Amino acid sequence: MKPYTLPLFPLNVVVCPGGLLPLRIFEARYLDMVRTCLRIKSSFAVVAVMPEGETDPEGYFPFANIGTLVDIVEADVTTVGLMNIRCVGRHRVKIDSYIQQADGLLVGQVNDITNDLASAIPEDLESVATSLKDLLVSLPASGVAPENMPVIKPYHFENAAWIANRWVELLDLPLLQKQRLMQLDSPVLRLELIHDILYENPRNKV
């Protein structure tokens, strides 16, 4: 695949392919970015901000050099100077270089990273899928409205990559730890590490 340009949105968040990301947009540069995306049906990439004074060790950027391309699936543009949007992660991208426009918007030269293939959950890791299923069942029962659910349907409880990605987003972990998990090439390894976090460090549970 050939590299292409994509607007970059640095945030203190990690979203994975298939993940839901609600955003409240109010800065002028990002309002313009969202308007353009809506008008021409294009996407942007969410990249995790590096801690102050640090850079990505590979790209020397002030943000991680691997992010996630997201599509806007819902947008409320009724309030002047404010947009509430819901985005869905599609696939990861590697940022090779970037420029900053006059309005402050970052635009990156990126390459697509192929999504993880669907893979079966190893028997010794099935508890990770069961825990996620139990969590998602419990939320409506505790009063969470469908539109406020943190995970969008369809659910794929049989897919190791999907399960691991949702836990990366849901767990209360340091941003860089989430980033490292998201970047892993092996979804099963990602799931193994999630298993260790869930059952060896229970304080990290959501």
N, C-alpha and C. Protein backbone atom coordinates (compact mmCIF):
# COMPACT_ATOMS: atom_id res chain seq x y z
N MET A 1 0.83 -1.20 0.00
CA MET A 1 0.00 0.00 0.00
C MET A 1 0.87 1.25 0.00
N LYS A 2 0.44 2.24 -0.74
CA LYS A 2 1.18 3.48 -0.82
C LYS A 2 0.88 4.37 0.38
N PRO A 3 1.89 5.14 0.84
CA PRO A 3 1.63 6.09 1.93
C PRO A 3 0.67 7.19 1.46
N TYR A 4 -0.02 7.78 2.40
CA TYR A 4 -0.96 8.85 2.09
C TYR A 4 -1.01 9.80 3.28
N THR A 5 -1.65 10.94 3.11
CA THR A 5 -1.72 11.93 4.18
C THR A 5 -3.04 11.82 4.93
N LEU A 6 -2.97 12.15 6.22
CA LEU A 6 -4.13 12.00 7.08
C LEU A 6 -4.02 13.01 8.22
N PRO A 7 -5.12 13.71 8.56
CA PRO A 7 -5.07 14.59 9.74
C PRO A 7 -4.81 13.76 10.99
N LEU A 8 -4.04 14.33 11.92
CA LEU A 8 -3.71 13.65 13.16
C LEU A 8 -4.34 14.39 14.33
N PHE A 9 -4.90 13.63 15.26
CA PHE A 9 -5.53 14.21 16.45
C PHE A 9 -4.83 13.61 17.68
N PRO A 10 -3.83 14.30 18.24
CA PRO A 10 -3.16 13.80 19.44
C PRO A 10 -4.08 13.92 20.66
N LEU A 11 -4.23 12.80 21.38
CA LEU A 11 -5.10 12.76 22.56
C LEU A 11 -4.48 11.89 23.64
N ASN A 12 -4.93 12.08 24.85
CA ASN A 12 -4.52 11.22 25.95
C ASN A 12 -5.42 9.99 26.01
N VAL A 13 -5.48 9.29 24.91
CA VAL A 13 -6.35 8.12 24.80
C VAL A 13 -5.78 7.18 23.75
N VAL A 14 -6.07 5.90 23.90
CA VAL A 14 -5.72 4.90 22.90
C VAL A 14 -7.00 4.23 22.45
N VAL A 15 -7.25 4.24 21.17
CA VAL A 15 -8.39 3.52 20.59
C VAL A 15 -7.85 2.47 19.65
N CYS A 16 -8.47 1.30 19.65
CA CYS A 16 -8.03 0.18 18.82
C CYS A 16 -9.01 -0.01 17.66
N PRO A 17 -8.63 -0.78 16.65
CA PRO A 17 -9.58 -1.12 15.59
C PRO A 17 -10.84 -1.74 16.19
N GLY A 18 -11.99 -1.25 15.75
CA GLY A 18 -13.26 -1.73 16.26
C GLY A 18 -13.73 -1.00 17.50
N GLY A 19 -12.92 -0.07 18.00
CA GLY A 19 -13.25 0.63 19.23
C GLY A 19 -14.11 1.86 19.00
N LEU A 20 -14.88 2.22 20.02
CA LEU A 20 -15.75 3.40 19.98
C LEU A 20 -15.06 4.55 20.70
N LEU A 21 -15.10 5.73 20.09
CA LEU A 21 -14.47 6.90 20.70
C LEU A 21 -15.39 8.11 20.57
N PRO A 22 -16.10 8.50 21.66
CA PRO A 22 -16.88 9.75 21.62
C PRO A 22 -15.93 10.93 21.84
N LEU A 23 -16.15 12.01 21.11
CA LEU A 23 -15.30 13.19 21.25
C LEU A 23 -16.16 14.45 21.28
N ARG A 24 -15.70 15.39 22.08
CA ARG A 24 -16.33 16.71 22.16
C ARG A 24 -15.33 17.68 21.55
N ILE A 25 -15.69 18.25 20.41
CA ILE A 25 -14.75 19.07 19.63
C ILE A 25 -15.10 20.55 19.80
N PHE A 26 -14.09 21.35 20.17
CA PHE A 26 -14.34 22.79 20.33
C PHE A 26 -13.20 23.65 19.80
N GLU A 27 -12.00 23.10 19.65
CA GLU A 27 -10.88 23.89 19.09
C GLU A 27 -11.12 24.12 17.60
N ALA A 28 -10.80 25.33 17.14
CA ALA A 28 -11.09 25.71 15.76
C ALA A 28 -10.46 24.77 14.74
N ARG A 29 -9.20 24.37 14.97
CA ARG A 29 -8.53 23.52 13.98
C ARG A 29 -9.20 22.16 13.86
N TYR A 30 -9.73 21.65 14.99
CA TYR A 30 -10.37 20.34 14.94
C TYR A 30 -11.83 20.44 14.48
N LEU A 31 -12.46 21.57 14.76
CA LEU A 31 -13.79 21.80 14.18
C LEU A 31 -13.69 21.81 12.66
N ASP A 32 -12.69 22.51 12.13
CA ASP A 32 -12.50 22.54 10.67
C ASP A 32 -12.18 21.14 10.15
N MET A 33 -11.34 20.39 10.88
CA MET A 33 -10.99 19.04 10.45
C MET A 33 -12.23 18.16 10.37
N VAL A 34 -13.07 18.23 11.40
CA VAL A 34 -14.28 17.39 11.42
C VAL A 34 -15.24 17.81 10.30
N ARG A 35 -15.39 19.11 10.10
CA ARG A 35 -16.27 19.57 9.01
C ARG A 35 -15.79 19.02 7.67
N THR A 36 -14.49 19.06 7.45
CA THR A 36 -13.93 18.53 6.20
C THR A 36 -14.18 17.03 6.09
N CYS A 37 -13.95 16.31 7.17
CA CYS A 37 -14.17 14.85 7.16
C CYS A 37 -15.63 14.53 6.85
N LEU A 38 -16.54 15.29 7.43
CA LEU A 38 -17.96 15.04 7.19
C LEU A 38 -18.33 15.38 5.75
N ARG A 39 -17.75 16.46 5.24
CA ARG A 39 -18.11 16.92 3.89
C ARG A 39 -17.62 15.97 2.82
N ILE A 40 -16.39 15.49 2.96
CA ILE A 40 -15.83 14.64 1.90
C ILE A 40 -15.78 13.16 2.30
N LYS A 41 -16.41 12.87 3.47
CA LYS A 41 -16.47 11.48 3.97
C LYS A 41 -15.07 10.87 4.11
N SER A 42 -14.21 11.59 4.78
CA SER A 42 -12.84 11.14 5.00
C SER A 42 -12.62 10.83 6.48
N SER A 43 -11.42 10.44 6.84
CA SER A 43 -11.11 9.98 8.19
C SER A 43 -9.96 10.80 8.77
N PHE A 44 -9.68 10.57 10.04
CA PHE A 44 -8.50 11.13 10.66
C PHE A 44 -7.90 10.05 11.58
N ALA A 45 -6.72 10.33 12.10
CA ALA A 45 -6.05 9.34 12.95
C ALA A 45 -5.90 9.89 14.36
N VAL A 46 -6.21 9.06 15.34
CA VAL A 46 -5.99 9.39 16.75
C VAL A 46 -4.63 8.84 17.15
N VAL A 47 -3.80 9.69 17.72
CA VAL A 47 -2.46 9.28 18.17
C VAL A 47 -2.30 9.66 19.64
N ALA A 48 -1.68 8.78 20.41
CA ALA A 48 -1.49 9.02 21.83
C ALA A 48 -0.39 10.05 22.06
N VAL A 49 -0.67 11.03 22.90
CA VAL A 49 0.31 12.07 23.24
C VAL A 49 1.39 11.48 24.14
N MET A 50 2.62 11.78 23.85
CA MET A 50 3.72 11.34 24.71
C MET A 50 3.78 12.23 25.95
N PRO A 51 4.26 11.68 27.08
CA PRO A 51 4.42 12.51 28.29
C PRO A 51 5.31 13.71 28.00
N GLU A 52 5.10 14.77 28.74
CA GLU A 52 5.87 16.00 28.53
C GLU A 52 7.36 15.73 28.63
N GLY A 53 8.09 16.21 27.64
CA GLY A 53 9.53 16.04 27.63
C GLY A 53 10.00 14.75 26.98
N GLU A 54 9.07 13.87 26.59
CA GLU A 54 9.43 12.60 25.96
C GLU A 54 9.00 12.61 24.50
N THR A 55 9.66 11.76 23.72
CA THR A 55 9.28 11.60 22.32
C THR A 55 9.12 10.11 22.04
N ASP A 56 8.41 9.80 20.96
CA ASP A 56 8.32 8.42 20.55
C ASP A 56 9.73 7.93 20.21
N PRO A 57 10.14 6.80 20.79
CA PRO A 57 11.54 6.37 20.61
C PRO A 57 11.90 6.03 19.18
N GLU A 58 10.92 5.73 18.35
CA GLU A 58 11.21 5.38 16.95
C GLU A 58 11.09 6.57 16.03
N GLY A 59 10.01 7.34 16.20
CA GLY A 59 9.77 8.45 15.28
C GLY A 59 10.23 9.79 15.77
N TYR A 60 10.60 9.90 17.08
CA TYR A 60 11.01 11.17 17.67
C TYR A 60 9.92 12.23 17.52
N PHE A 61 8.67 11.78 17.60
CA PHE A 61 7.53 12.68 17.55
C PHE A 61 7.03 12.95 18.97
N PRO A 62 6.28 14.03 19.17
CA PRO A 62 5.67 14.28 20.49
C PRO A 62 4.42 13.43 20.72
N PHE A 63 4.20 12.48 19.84
CA PHE A 63 3.08 11.55 19.95
C PHE A 63 3.55 10.20 19.44
N ALA A 64 2.81 9.14 19.77
CA ALA A 64 3.19 7.80 19.33
C ALA A 64 3.14 7.72 17.81
N ASN A 65 4.09 7.00 17.22
CA ASN A 65 4.14 6.96 15.76
C ASN A 65 3.24 5.87 15.18
N ILE A 66 2.48 5.19 16.03
CA ILE A 66 1.42 4.30 15.57
C ILE A 66 0.11 4.75 16.20
N GLY A 67 -0.86 5.03 15.35
CA GLY A 67 -2.17 5.47 15.81
C GLY A 67 -3.25 4.64 15.16
N THR A 68 -4.46 5.11 15.28
CA THR A 68 -5.60 4.38 14.71
C THR A 68 -6.44 5.32 13.86
N LEU A 69 -6.67 4.92 12.62
CA LEU A 69 -7.56 5.66 11.75
C LEU A 69 -8.98 5.46 12.24
N VAL A 70 -9.73 6.55 12.37
CA VAL A 70 -11.11 6.46 12.83
C VAL A 70 -12.04 7.13 11.81
N ASP A 71 -13.25 6.58 11.72
CA ASP A 71 -14.31 7.16 10.92
C ASP A 71 -15.35 7.79 11.84
N ILE A 72 -15.90 8.90 11.43
CA ILE A 72 -16.99 9.54 12.18
C ILE A 72 -18.29 8.85 11.80
N VAL A 73 -18.98 8.28 12.78
CA VAL A 73 -20.22 7.56 12.50
C VAL A 73 -21.45 8.35 12.95
N GLU A 74 -21.27 9.31 13.86
CA GLU A 74 -22.36 10.18 14.30
C GLU A 74 -21.79 11.56 14.58
N ALA A 75 -22.57 12.59 14.30
CA ALA A 75 -22.11 13.95 14.58
C ALA A 75 -23.29 14.84 14.94
N ASP A 76 -23.17 15.56 16.04
CA ASP A 76 -24.15 16.56 16.45
C ASP A 76 -23.49 17.92 16.25
N VAL A 77 -23.99 18.64 15.26
CA VAL A 77 -23.38 19.94 14.90
C VAL A 77 -24.36 21.08 15.14
N THR A 78 -25.31 20.87 16.06
CA THR A 78 -26.38 21.86 16.27
C THR A 78 -25.92 23.06 17.08
N THR A 79 -24.84 22.93 17.85
CA THR A 79 -24.35 24.03 18.68
C THR A 79 -23.18 24.72 18.01
N VAL A 80 -23.27 26.05 17.87
CA VAL A 80 -22.20 26.80 17.22
C VAL A 80 -20.92 26.70 18.06
N GLY A 81 -19.82 26.34 17.40
CA GLY A 81 -18.53 26.25 18.08
C GLY A 81 -18.33 24.99 18.89
N LEU A 82 -19.23 24.03 18.71
CA LEU A 82 -19.10 22.78 19.47
C LEU A 82 -19.67 21.63 18.64
N MET A 83 -18.96 20.52 18.61
CA MET A 83 -19.44 19.31 17.94
C MET A 83 -19.26 18.13 18.88
N ASN A 84 -20.28 17.30 18.96
CA ASN A 84 -20.17 16.02 19.65
C ASN A 84 -20.20 14.93 18.59
N ILE A 85 -19.14 14.17 18.52
CA ILE A 85 -19.05 13.14 17.49
C ILE A 85 -18.75 11.79 18.14
N ARG A 86 -19.11 10.74 17.41
CA ARG A 86 -18.76 9.37 17.80
C ARG A 86 -17.98 8.77 16.65
N CYS A 87 -16.83 8.21 16.98
CA CYS A 87 -15.94 7.65 15.97
C CYS A 87 -15.73 6.16 16.24
N VAL A 88 -15.39 5.44 15.18
CA VAL A 88 -15.08 4.02 15.30
C VAL A 88 -13.70 3.78 14.69
N GLY A 89 -12.85 3.08 15.43
CA GLY A 89 -11.52 2.74 14.92
C GLY A 89 -11.61 1.72 13.80
N ARG A 90 -10.88 1.95 12.72
CA ARG A 90 -10.92 1.03 11.57
C ARG A 90 -9.66 0.18 11.47
N HIS A 91 -8.50 0.81 11.50
CA HIS A 91 -7.25 0.05 11.45
C HIS A 91 -6.13 0.96 11.94
N ARG A 92 -5.02 0.35 12.31
CA ARG A 92 -3.87 1.12 12.77
C ARG A 92 -3.12 1.73 11.58
N VAL A 93 -2.41 2.79 11.87
CA VAL A 93 -1.55 3.43 10.86
C VAL A 93 -0.22 3.74 11.51
N LYS A 94 0.83 3.71 10.69
CA LYS A 94 2.17 4.11 11.14
C LYS A 94 2.48 5.47 10.54
N ILE A 95 2.84 6.40 11.40
CA ILE A 95 3.14 7.76 10.93
C ILE A 95 4.63 7.84 10.63
N ASP A 96 4.95 8.14 9.38
CA ASP A 96 6.35 8.24 8.97
C ASP A 96 6.90 9.65 9.15
N SER A 97 6.05 10.66 8.94
CA SER A 97 6.46 12.05 9.10
C SER A 97 5.20 12.88 9.26
N TYR A 98 5.38 14.13 9.65
CA TYR A 98 4.21 15.00 9.78
C TYR A 98 4.63 16.45 9.59
N ILE A 99 3.63 17.27 9.29
CA ILE A 99 3.82 18.72 9.23
C ILE A 99 2.73 19.37 10.07
N GLN A 100 2.97 20.59 10.46
CA GLN A 100 1.95 21.36 11.17
C GLN A 100 1.50 22.50 10.28
N GLN A 101 0.21 22.54 10.00
CA GLN A 101 -0.35 23.58 9.15
C GLN A 101 -0.39 24.92 9.89
N ALA A 102 -0.69 25.96 9.13
CA ALA A 102 -0.75 27.30 9.73
C ALA A 102 -1.80 27.40 10.83
N ASP A 103 -2.87 26.61 10.70
CA ASP A 103 -3.93 26.64 11.72
C ASP A 103 -3.62 25.76 12.92
N GLY A 104 -2.46 25.10 12.91
CA GLY A 104 -2.07 24.25 14.02
C GLY A 104 -2.38 22.79 13.84
N LEU A 105 -3.16 22.44 12.83
CA LEU A 105 -3.51 21.04 12.61
C LEU A 105 -2.30 20.25 12.13
N LEU A 106 -2.11 19.07 12.71
CA LEU A 106 -1.04 18.19 12.28
C LEU A 106 -1.54 17.27 11.17
N VAL A 107 -0.72 17.11 10.14
CA VAL A 107 -1.06 16.22 9.03
C VAL A 107 0.11 15.25 8.85
N GLY A 108 -0.19 13.97 8.89
CA GLY A 108 0.86 12.97 8.82
C GLY A 108 0.92 12.24 7.50
N GLN A 109 2.10 11.79 7.15
CA GLN A 109 2.31 10.85 6.05
C GLN A 109 2.27 9.48 6.69
N VAL A 110 1.28 8.65 6.31
CA VAL A 110 1.04 7.41 7.04
C VAL A 110 1.00 6.21 6.11
N ASN A 111 1.19 5.05 6.71
CA ASN A 111 1.01 3.77 6.04
C ASN A 111 0.04 2.93 6.85
N ASP A 112 -0.85 2.23 6.17
CA ASP A 112 -1.81 1.36 6.85
C ASP A 112 -1.11 0.15 7.45
N ILE A 113 -1.61 -0.28 8.59
CA ILE A 113 -1.20 -1.54 9.21
C ILE A 113 -2.40 -2.48 9.12
N THR A 114 -2.21 -3.63 8.52
CA THR A 114 -3.30 -4.58 8.32
C THR A 114 -3.87 -5.01 9.67
N ASN A 115 -5.19 -5.08 9.75
CA ASN A 115 -5.83 -5.51 10.99
C ASN A 115 -5.48 -6.95 11.33
N ASP A 116 -5.52 -7.24 12.63
CA ASP A 116 -5.30 -8.61 13.08
C ASP A 116 -6.33 -9.54 12.45
N LEU A 117 -5.88 -10.72 12.07
CA LEU A 117 -6.82 -11.74 11.62
C LEU A 117 -7.61 -12.24 12.81
N ALA A 118 -8.88 -12.58 12.57
CA ALA A 118 -9.68 -13.18 13.63
C ALA A 118 -9.01 -14.48 14.06
N SER A 119 -8.86 -14.65 15.36
CA SER A 119 -8.20 -15.85 15.86
C SER A 119 -8.96 -16.39 17.06
N ALA A 120 -8.96 -17.69 17.19
CA ALA A 120 -9.66 -18.34 18.29
C ALA A 120 -8.98 -18.01 19.62
N ILE A 121 -9.75 -18.04 20.67
CA ILE A 121 -9.23 -17.76 22.00
C ILE A 121 -8.68 -19.05 22.60
N PRO A 122 -7.40 -19.07 22.97
CA PRO A 122 -6.85 -20.27 23.61
C PRO A 122 -7.65 -20.63 24.86
N GLU A 123 -7.74 -21.92 25.11
CA GLU A 123 -8.57 -22.40 26.22
C GLU A 123 -8.17 -21.77 27.55
N ASP A 124 -6.87 -21.59 27.77
CA ASP A 124 -6.43 -21.05 29.05
C ASP A 124 -6.67 -19.55 29.18
N LEU A 125 -7.17 -18.91 28.12
CA LEU A 125 -7.47 -17.48 28.16
C LEU A 125 -8.96 -17.18 28.02
N GLU A 126 -9.78 -18.21 28.02
CA GLU A 126 -11.22 -18.01 27.84
C GLU A 126 -11.84 -17.16 28.95
N SER A 127 -11.22 -17.18 30.13
CA SER A 127 -11.75 -16.38 31.24
C SER A 127 -11.73 -14.89 30.91
N VAL A 128 -10.80 -14.45 30.04
CA VAL A 128 -10.72 -13.03 29.67
C VAL A 128 -11.96 -12.64 28.86
N ALA A 129 -12.38 -13.52 27.96
CA ALA A 129 -13.60 -13.28 27.19
C ALA A 129 -14.83 -13.32 28.08
N THR A 130 -14.86 -14.28 29.00
CA THR A 130 -16.00 -14.41 29.91
C THR A 130 -16.15 -13.16 30.78
N SER A 131 -15.03 -12.63 31.26
CA SER A 131 -15.07 -11.42 32.09
C SER A 131 -15.60 -10.23 31.31
N LEU A 132 -15.20 -10.11 30.04
CA LEU A 132 -15.69 -9.00 29.23
C LEU A 132 -17.19 -9.16 28.98
N LYS A 133 -17.60 -10.36 28.67
CA LYS A 133 -19.04 -10.62 28.45
C LYS A 133 -19.84 -10.26 29.70
N ASP A 134 -19.35 -10.68 30.86
CA ASP A 134 -20.05 -10.38 32.11
C ASP A 134 -20.14 -8.88 32.35
N LEU A 135 -19.05 -8.17 32.04
CA LEU A 135 -19.04 -6.72 32.22
C LEU A 135 -20.07 -6.05 31.32
N LEU A 136 -20.10 -6.43 30.05
CA LEU A 136 -21.00 -5.78 29.11
C LEU A 136 -22.46 -6.12 29.40
N VAL A 137 -22.71 -7.29 29.97
CA VAL A 137 -24.07 -7.65 30.37
C VAL A 137 -24.49 -6.85 31.60
N SER A 138 -23.52 -6.60 32.49
CA SER A 138 -23.85 -5.92 33.76
C SER A 138 -24.16 -4.43 33.58
N LEU A 139 -23.59 -3.81 32.56
CA LEU A 139 -23.74 -2.36 32.43
C LEU A 139 -25.19 -1.93 32.19
N PRO A 140 -25.92 -2.53 31.23
CA PRO A 140 -27.34 -2.14 31.09
C PRO A 140 -28.14 -2.43 32.35
N ALA A 141 -27.80 -3.52 33.01
CA ALA A 141 -28.51 -3.87 34.24
C ALA A 141 -28.28 -2.85 35.35
N SER A 142 -27.14 -2.14 35.27
CA SER A 142 -26.85 -1.13 36.28
C SER A 142 -27.29 0.27 35.85
N GLY A 143 -28.01 0.34 34.73
CA GLY A 143 -28.59 1.61 34.32
C GLY A 143 -27.89 2.33 33.19
N VAL A 144 -26.86 1.73 32.58
CA VAL A 144 -26.17 2.37 31.46
C VAL A 144 -27.06 2.28 30.22
N ALA A 145 -27.37 3.42 29.63
CA ALA A 145 -28.23 3.45 28.45
C ALA A 145 -27.49 2.89 27.24
N PRO A 146 -28.22 2.33 26.26
CA PRO A 146 -27.56 1.75 25.08
C PRO A 146 -26.61 2.71 24.39
N GLU A 147 -27.02 3.99 24.31
CA GLU A 147 -26.16 4.96 23.61
C GLU A 147 -24.91 5.32 24.40
N ASN A 148 -24.85 4.93 25.65
CA ASN A 148 -23.68 5.22 26.48
C ASN A 148 -22.80 4.00 26.72
N MET A 149 -23.11 2.89 26.07
CA MET A 149 -22.27 1.71 26.21
C MET A 149 -20.88 1.99 25.64
N PRO A 150 -19.83 1.53 26.30
CA PRO A 150 -18.46 1.83 25.84
C PRO A 150 -17.99 0.96 24.69
N VAL A 151 -18.76 -0.06 24.33
CA VAL A 151 -18.41 -0.98 23.25
C VAL A 151 -19.60 -1.08 22.31
N ILE A 152 -19.31 -1.02 21.01
CA ILE A 152 -20.39 -1.08 20.03
C ILE A 152 -20.60 -2.51 19.54
N LYS A 153 -21.83 -2.78 19.16
CA LYS A 153 -22.15 -4.09 18.59
C LYS A 153 -21.79 -4.08 17.10
N PRO A 154 -21.60 -5.26 16.49
CA PRO A 154 -21.73 -6.59 17.07
C PRO A 154 -20.55 -6.95 17.95
N TYR A 155 -20.83 -7.76 18.97
CA TYR A 155 -19.79 -8.27 19.84
C TYR A 155 -19.19 -9.53 19.22
N HIS A 156 -17.90 -9.71 19.46
CA HIS A 156 -17.19 -10.87 18.88
C HIS A 156 -16.43 -11.60 19.99
N PHE A 157 -17.19 -12.24 20.86
CA PHE A 157 -16.58 -12.88 22.02
C PHE A 157 -15.73 -14.09 21.68
N GLU A 158 -15.79 -14.52 20.41
CA GLU A 158 -14.99 -15.67 19.99
C GLU A 158 -13.65 -15.27 19.38
N ASN A 159 -13.42 -13.96 19.25
CA ASN A 159 -12.26 -13.45 18.53
C ASN A 159 -11.24 -12.88 19.52
N ALA A 160 -10.06 -13.49 19.58
CA ALA A 160 -9.03 -13.06 20.53
C ALA A 160 -8.64 -11.60 20.33
N ALA A 161 -8.51 -11.17 19.07
CA ALA A 161 -8.11 -9.79 18.79
C ALA A 161 -9.16 -8.80 19.29
N TRP A 162 -10.43 -9.08 19.03
CA TRP A 162 -11.51 -8.18 19.45
C TRP A 162 -11.56 -8.09 20.97
N ILE A 163 -11.47 -9.23 21.64
CA ILE A 163 -11.50 -9.24 23.10
C ILE A 163 -10.33 -8.44 23.67
N ALA A 164 -9.14 -8.68 23.17
CA ALA A 164 -7.96 -7.98 23.67
C ALA A 164 -8.08 -6.48 23.44
N ASN A 165 -8.54 -6.09 22.27
CA ASN A 165 -8.65 -4.66 21.95
C ASN A 165 -9.64 -3.94 22.85
N ARG A 166 -10.75 -4.61 23.15
CA ARG A 166 -11.74 -3.95 24.01
C ARG A 166 -11.19 -3.77 25.43
N TRP A 167 -10.44 -4.76 25.91
CA TRP A 167 -9.86 -4.62 27.25
C TRP A 167 -8.80 -3.52 27.28
N VAL A 168 -8.02 -3.39 26.20
CA VAL A 168 -7.04 -2.30 26.14
C VAL A 168 -7.73 -0.96 26.36
N GLU A 169 -8.89 -0.79 25.75
CA GLU A 169 -9.62 0.48 25.86
C GLU A 169 -10.29 0.64 27.22
N LEU A 170 -10.76 -0.45 27.80
CA LEU A 170 -11.57 -0.36 29.01
C LEU A 170 -10.76 -0.33 30.30
N LEU A 171 -9.62 -0.99 30.32
CA LEU A 171 -8.86 -1.08 31.56
C LEU A 171 -8.24 0.26 31.96
N ASP A 172 -8.16 0.46 33.25
CA ASP A 172 -7.55 1.67 33.80
C ASP A 172 -6.05 1.45 33.88
N LEU A 173 -5.38 1.74 32.77
CA LEU A 173 -3.94 1.53 32.66
C LEU A 173 -3.26 2.82 32.24
N PRO A 174 -1.97 2.98 32.53
CA PRO A 174 -1.24 4.14 32.02
C PRO A 174 -1.31 4.20 30.49
N LEU A 175 -1.33 5.40 29.97
CA LEU A 175 -1.49 5.58 28.53
C LEU A 175 -0.42 4.83 27.73
N LEU A 176 0.83 4.90 28.15
CA LEU A 176 1.89 4.25 27.39
C LEU A 176 1.77 2.73 27.44
N GLN A 177 1.24 2.19 28.53
CA GLN A 177 1.02 0.75 28.59
C GLN A 177 -0.07 0.34 27.61
N LYS A 178 -1.14 1.14 27.54
CA LYS A 178 -2.18 0.88 26.54
C LYS A 178 -1.61 0.94 25.12
N GLN A 179 -0.74 1.93 24.89
CA GLN A 179 -0.15 2.09 23.57
C GLN A 179 0.69 0.88 23.20
N ARG A 180 1.49 0.41 24.13
CA ARG A 180 2.33 -0.75 23.85
C ARG A 180 1.49 -1.98 23.55
N LEU A 181 0.40 -2.16 24.27
CA LEU A 181 -0.50 -3.28 24.00
C LEU A 181 -1.12 -3.16 22.62
N MET A 182 -1.59 -1.97 22.28
CA MET A 182 -2.22 -1.75 20.97
C MET A 182 -1.26 -2.03 19.82
N GLN A 183 0.02 -1.73 20.01
CA GLN A 183 0.99 -1.87 18.94
C GLN A 183 1.44 -3.31 18.70
N LEU A 184 1.18 -4.20 19.64
CA LEU A 184 1.65 -5.57 19.50
C LEU A 184 1.10 -6.22 18.23
N ASP A 185 1.96 -6.95 17.54
CA ASP A 185 1.53 -7.61 16.30
C ASP A 185 0.68 -8.85 16.57
N SER A 186 0.86 -9.48 17.70
CA SER A 186 0.17 -10.74 18.00
C SER A 186 -1.03 -10.49 18.91
N PRO A 187 -2.26 -10.74 18.42
CA PRO A 187 -3.42 -10.57 19.28
C PRO A 187 -3.46 -11.54 20.44
N VAL A 188 -2.89 -12.73 20.26
CA VAL A 188 -2.88 -13.71 21.35
C VAL A 188 -1.94 -13.26 22.46
N LEU A 189 -0.77 -12.72 22.09
CA LEU A 189 0.13 -12.17 23.09
C LEU A 189 -0.55 -11.01 23.82
N ARG A 190 -1.24 -10.17 23.08
CA ARG A 190 -1.98 -9.05 23.70
C ARG A 190 -2.99 -9.60 24.71
N LEU A 191 -3.66 -10.66 24.33
CA LEU A 191 -4.66 -11.27 25.22
C LEU A 191 -3.99 -11.89 26.44
N GLU A 192 -2.84 -12.51 26.26
CA GLU A 192 -2.11 -13.09 27.39
C GLU A 192 -1.73 -12.01 28.40
N LEU A 193 -1.27 -10.88 27.91
CA LEU A 193 -0.88 -9.79 28.81
C LEU A 193 -2.10 -9.20 29.51
N ILE A 194 -3.22 -9.11 28.79
CA ILE A 194 -4.46 -8.65 29.41
C ILE A 194 -4.86 -9.62 30.53
N HIS A 195 -4.72 -10.92 30.27
CA HIS A 195 -5.04 -11.93 31.28
C HIS A 195 -4.21 -11.69 32.54
N ASP A 196 -2.92 -11.44 32.36
CA ASP A 196 -2.06 -11.21 33.51
C ASP A 196 -2.48 -9.96 34.28
N ILE A 197 -2.85 -8.92 33.55
CA ILE A 197 -3.29 -7.68 34.20
C ILE A 197 -4.57 -7.90 34.99
N LEU A 198 -5.51 -8.62 34.39
CA LEU A 198 -6.81 -8.84 35.03
C LEU A 198 -6.70 -9.70 36.28
N TYR A 199 -5.91 -10.74 36.20
CA TYR A 199 -5.94 -11.73 37.27
C TYR A 199 -4.73 -11.70 38.19
N GLU A 200 -3.69 -10.98 37.80
CA GLU A 200 -2.55 -10.83 38.70
C GLU A 200 -2.50 -9.44 39.32
N ASN A 201 -3.17 -8.48 38.67
CA ASN A 201 -3.23 -7.11 39.19
C ASN A 201 -4.68 -6.68 39.19
N PRO A 202 -5.51 -7.23 40.07
CA PRO A 202 -6.94 -6.94 40.04
C PRO A 202 -7.30 -5.49 40.25
N ARG A 203 -6.39 -4.69 40.78
CA ARG A 203 -6.70 -3.26 40.96
C ARG A 203 -6.88 -2.55 39.63
N ASN A 204 -6.37 -3.16 38.56
CA ASN A 204 -6.47 -2.52 37.25
C ASN A 204 -7.81 -2.77 36.58
N LYS A 205 -8.67 -3.52 37.21
CA LYS A 205 -9.98 -3.79 36.60
C LYS A 205 -10.80 -2.51 36.50
N VAL A 206 -11.69 -2.46 35.50
CA VAL A 206 -12.55 -1.29 35.37
C VAL A 206 -13.61 -1.31 36.45
